[in-house]
Amino acid sequence: MRHLFLALALLTTAVSAADTALLHKGQALAAARAHLLAQGWQPRATRLSLADGQAENRSGSAKTFYRAGYREVEVCSGTGANFCIFNYLRDGACMRVVTVGELPRDASVASWADECPPEDAR
């Protein structure tokens, strides 16, 4: 959870112009992901663990996204707007997409940045 709030505080939109044109705030997660995959971005799984050793992306609301095939989900806040972080990789560059929404069909893009997951999540 600490990583989610830190990431949300640091995210800025600093991705290339071509990639930025693919994403916009409010865009459905499924559409954003399809555009990224078409441009060669690959889902990047992460390995954050909770104190009990359970994978962060297989617990709470992140589990819903993971089970729906979004293996790139890192973590979800599980409260309020339910912010979630998704990670992508292309040619050594990273992109993190933050969404709002509790279910994959309702999730929409809130922000994105050219950042890699934290070291302990890789």
C-alpha atoms as a PDB file:
ATOM      1  CA  MET A   1       0.000   0.000   0.000  1.00  0.00           C
ATOM      2  CA  ARG A   2       2.922   2.319   0.795  1.00  0.00           C
ATOM      3  CA  HIS A   3       4.133   1.909  -2.796  1.00  0.00           C
ATOM      4  CA  LEU A   4       0.760   2.870  -4.238  1.00  0.00           C
ATOM      5  CA  PHE A   5       0.539   6.175  -2.417  1.00  0.00           C
ATOM      6  CA  LEU A   6       4.176   7.017  -3.142  1.00  0.00           C
ATOM      7  CA  ALA A   7       3.681   6.229  -6.826  1.00  0.00           C
ATOM      8  CA  LEU A   8       0.506   8.306  -7.020  1.00  0.00           C
ATOM      9  CA  ALA A   9       2.324  11.248  -5.461  1.00  0.00           C
ATOM     10  CA  LEU A  10       5.187  11.020  -7.955  1.00  0.00           C
ATOM     11  CA  LEU A  11       3.380  10.259 -11.214  1.00  0.00           C
ATOM     12  CA  THR A  12       3.589  12.824 -13.979  1.00  0.00           C
ATOM     13  CA  THR A  13       2.759  12.543 -17.644  1.00  0.00           C
ATOM     14  CA  ALA A  14       6.221  12.391 -19.200  1.00  0.00           C
ATOM     15  CA  VAL A  15       5.896   9.684 -21.838  1.00  0.00           C
ATOM     16  CA  SER A  16       6.740  10.224 -25.532  1.00  0.00           C
ATOM     17  CA  ALA A  17       4.291  12.233 -27.622  1.00  0.00           C
ATOM     18  CA  ALA A  18       3.326   9.164 -29.660  1.00  0.00           C
ATOM     19  CA  ASP A  19       2.475   7.180 -26.544  1.00  0.00           C
ATOM     20  CA  THR A  20       0.710  10.107 -24.908  1.00  0.00           C
ATOM     21  CA  ALA A  21      -1.559  10.361 -27.947  1.00  0.00           C
ATOM     22  CA  LEU A  22      -2.692   6.803 -27.212  1.00  0.00           C
ATOM     23  CA  LEU A  23      -3.833   7.570 -23.673  1.00  0.00           C
ATOM     24  CA  HIS A  24      -6.191  10.084 -22.173  1.00  0.00           C
ATOM     25  CA  LYS A  25      -7.739  10.617 -18.774  1.00  0.00           C
ATOM     26  CA  GLY A  26     -11.046   8.834 -18.450  1.00  0.00           C
ATOM     27  CA  GLN A  27     -10.181   6.293 -21.168  1.00  0.00           C
ATOM     28  CA  ALA A  28     -11.343   2.756 -20.425  1.00  0.00           C
ATOM     29  CA  LEU A  29      -8.534   0.534 -19.155  1.00  0.00           C
ATOM     30  CA  ALA A  30      -9.235  -2.106 -21.820  1.00  0.00           C
ATOM     31  CA  ALA A  31      -8.930   0.476 -24.622  1.00  0.00           C
ATOM     32  CA  ALA A  32      -5.774   2.003 -23.163  1.00  0.00           C
ATOM     33  CA  ARG A  33      -4.197  -1.423 -22.792  1.00  0.00           C
ATOM     34  CA  ALA A  34      -5.122  -2.386 -26.375  1.00  0.00           C
ATOM     35  CA  HIS A  35      -3.467   0.783 -27.704  1.00  0.00           C
ATOM     36  CA  LEU A  36      -0.324   0.176 -25.651  1.00  0.00           C
ATOM     37  CA  LEU A  37      -0.041  -3.448 -26.774  1.00  0.00           C
ATOM     38  CA  ALA A  38      -0.501  -2.385 -30.415  1.00  0.00           C
ATOM     39  CA  GLN A  39       2.446   0.000 -29.977  1.00  0.00           C
ATOM     40  CA  GLY A  40       4.707  -2.765 -28.680  1.00  0.00           C
ATOM     41  CA  TRP A  41       4.314  -2.208 -24.937  1.00  0.00           C
ATOM     42  CA  GLN A  42       4.241  -5.507 -23.022  1.00  0.00           C
ATOM     43  CA  PRO A  43       2.523  -6.146 -19.677  1.00  0.00           C
ATOM     44  CA  ARG A  44       5.102  -6.271 -16.897  1.00  0.00           C
ATOM     45  CA  ALA A  45       4.286  -8.402 -13.871  1.00  0.00           C
ATOM     46  CA  THR A  46       5.520  -7.305 -10.441  1.00  0.00           C
ATOM     47  CA  ARG A  47       6.249  -9.178  -7.237  1.00  0.00           C
ATOM     48  CA  LEU A  48       5.272  -7.016  -4.272  1.00  0.00           C
ATOM     49  CA  SER A  49       4.313  -9.029  -1.208  1.00  0.00           C
ATOM     50  CA  LEU A  50       2.211  -8.277   1.825  1.00  0.00           C
ATOM     51  CA  ALA A  51       3.564  -8.837   5.338  1.00  0.00           C
ATOM     52  CA  ASP A  52       2.068 -12.341   5.335  1.00  0.00           C
ATOM     53  CA  GLY A  53       3.906 -13.210   2.100  1.00  0.00           C
ATOM     54  CA  GLN A  54       0.821 -13.113  -0.144  1.00  0.00           C
ATOM     55  CA  ALA A  55       1.368 -11.426  -3.519  1.00  0.00           C
ATOM     56  CA  GLU A  56       0.022  -7.869  -3.455  1.00  0.00           C
ATOM     57  CA  ASN A  57      -1.518  -8.232  -6.926  1.00  0.00           C
ATOM     58  CA  ARG A  58      -3.427 -11.343  -5.863  1.00  0.00           C
ATOM     59  CA  SER A  59      -5.119  -9.803  -2.864  1.00  0.00           C
ATOM     60  CA  GLY A  60      -7.871  -7.270  -2.315  1.00  0.00           C
ATOM     61  CA  SER A  61      -9.276  -5.575  -5.377  1.00  0.00           C
ATOM     62  CA  ALA A  62      -6.046  -6.166  -7.363  1.00  0.00           C
ATOM     63  CA  LYS A  63      -6.999  -9.845  -7.411  1.00  0.00           C
ATOM     64  CA  THR A  64     -10.064  -9.001  -9.506  1.00  0.00           C
ATOM     65  CA  PHE A  65      -7.881  -7.406 -12.187  1.00  0.00           C
ATOM     66  CA  TYR A  66      -5.305 -10.204 -12.004  1.00  0.00           C
ATOM     67  CA  ARG A  67      -7.977 -12.870 -12.453  1.00  0.00           C
ATOM     68  CA  ALA A  68      -9.371 -10.924 -15.428  1.00  0.00           C
ATOM     69  CA  GLY A  69      -6.001 -11.313 -17.174  1.00  0.00           C
ATOM     70  CA  TYR A  70      -4.332  -8.059 -16.166  1.00  0.00           C
ATOM     71  CA  ARG A  71      -1.083  -9.667 -14.954  1.00  0.00           C
ATOM     72  CA  GLU A  72       0.543  -6.232 -15.026  1.00  0.00           C
ATOM     73  CA  VAL A  73      -1.514  -4.961 -12.078  1.00  0.00           C
ATOM     74  CA  GLU A  74       0.876  -4.065  -9.263  1.00  0.00           C
ATOM     75  CA  VAL A  75      -1.433  -2.910  -6.490  1.00  0.00           C
ATOM     76  CA  CYS A  76      -4.843  -1.328  -5.855  1.00  0.00           C
ATOM     77  CA  SER A  77      -5.751   0.969  -2.988  1.00  0.00           C
ATOM     78  CA  GLY A  78      -8.976  -0.931  -2.279  1.00  0.00           C
ATOM     79  CA  THR A  79     -10.619   2.169  -0.823  1.00  0.00           C
ATOM     80  CA  GLY A  80     -12.200   5.336  -2.145  1.00  0.00           C
ATOM     81  CA  ALA A  81     -11.816   5.576  -5.908  1.00  0.00           C
ATOM     82  CA  ASN A  82      -9.755   2.334  -5.874  1.00  0.00           C
ATOM     83  CA  PHE A  83      -6.621   3.566  -7.603  1.00  0.00           C
ATOM     84  CA  CYS A  84      -4.629   0.760  -9.277  1.00  0.00           C
ATOM     85  CA  ILE A  85      -1.173   0.738 -10.879  1.00  0.00           C
ATOM     86  CA  PHE A  86      -0.428  -1.220 -14.068  1.00  0.00           C
ATOM     87  CA  ASN A  87       3.105  -1.665 -15.485  1.00  0.00           C
ATOM     88  CA  TYR A  88       4.301  -1.968 -19.085  1.00  0.00           C
ATOM     89  CA  LEU A  89       7.717  -2.430 -20.708  1.00  0.00           C
ATOM     90  CA  ARG A  90       9.016  -1.692 -24.229  1.00  0.00           C
ATOM     91  CA  ASP A  91      12.627  -1.719 -25.387  1.00  0.00           C
ATOM     92  CA  GLY A  92      13.879  -1.228 -21.818  1.00  0.00           C
ATOM     93  CA  ALA A  93      11.532   1.704 -21.159  1.00  0.00           C
ATOM     94  CA  CYS A  94       8.826   1.502 -18.504  1.00  0.00           C
ATOM     95  CA  MET A  95       5.345   2.960 -18.305  1.00  0.00           C
ATOM     96  CA  ARG A  96       3.049   2.977 -15.281  1.00  0.00           C
ATOM     97  CA  VAL A  97      -0.656   3.586 -15.771  1.00  0.00           C
ATOM     98  CA  VAL A  98      -2.852   4.536 -12.825  1.00  0.00           C
ATOM     99  CA  THR A  99      -6.569   3.795 -13.046  1.00  0.00           C
ATOM    100  CA  VAL A 100      -9.660   4.443 -10.966  1.00  0.00           C
ATOM    101  CA  GLY A 101     -12.485   1.941 -10.600  1.00  0.00           C
ATOM    102  CA  GLU A 102     -13.192  -1.267  -8.723  1.00  0.00           C
ATOM    103  CA  LEU A 103     -13.785  -3.637 -11.633  1.00  0.00           C
ATOM    104  CA  PRO A 104     -11.906  -4.126 -14.908  1.00  0.00           C
ATOM    105  CA  ARG A 105     -14.966  -3.155 -16.960  1.00  0.00           C
ATOM    106  CA  ASP A 106     -15.320   0.112 -15.005  1.00  0.00           C
ATOM    107  CA  ALA A 107     -11.651   1.090 -14.638  1.00  0.00           C
ATOM    108  CA  SER A 108     -10.464   4.206 -16.435  1.00  0.00           C
ATOM    109  CA  VAL A 109      -7.107   5.934 -16.854  1.00  0.00           C
ATOM    110  CA  ALA A 110      -6.319   8.589 -14.245  1.00  0.00           C
ATOM    111  CA  SER A 111      -2.636   9.220 -15.129  1.00  0.00           C
ATOM    112  CA  TRP A 112       0.487   7.658 -16.607  1.00  0.00           C
ATOM    113  CA  ALA A 113       4.252   8.147 -16.438  1.00  0.00           C
ATOM    114  CA  ASP A 114       7.521   6.812 -17.776  1.00  0.00           C
ATOM    115  CA  GLU A 115       8.478   5.117 -14.522  1.00  0.00           C
ATOM    116  CA  CYS A 116       9.536   1.617 -13.613  1.00  0.00           C
ATOM    117  CA  PRO A 117       8.127  -0.297 -10.642  1.00  0.00           C
ATOM    118  CA  PRO A 118      10.112   0.009  -7.401  1.00  0.00           C
ATOM    119  CA  GLU A 119      13.141  -2.297  -7.107  1.00  0.00           C
ATOM    120  CA  ASP A 120      11.445  -4.547  -4.550  1.00  0.00           C
ATOM    121  CA  ALA A 121       8.526  -5.108  -6.930  1.00  0.00           C
ATOM    122  CA  ARG A 122      10.563  -6.467  -9.853  1.00  0.00           C
END
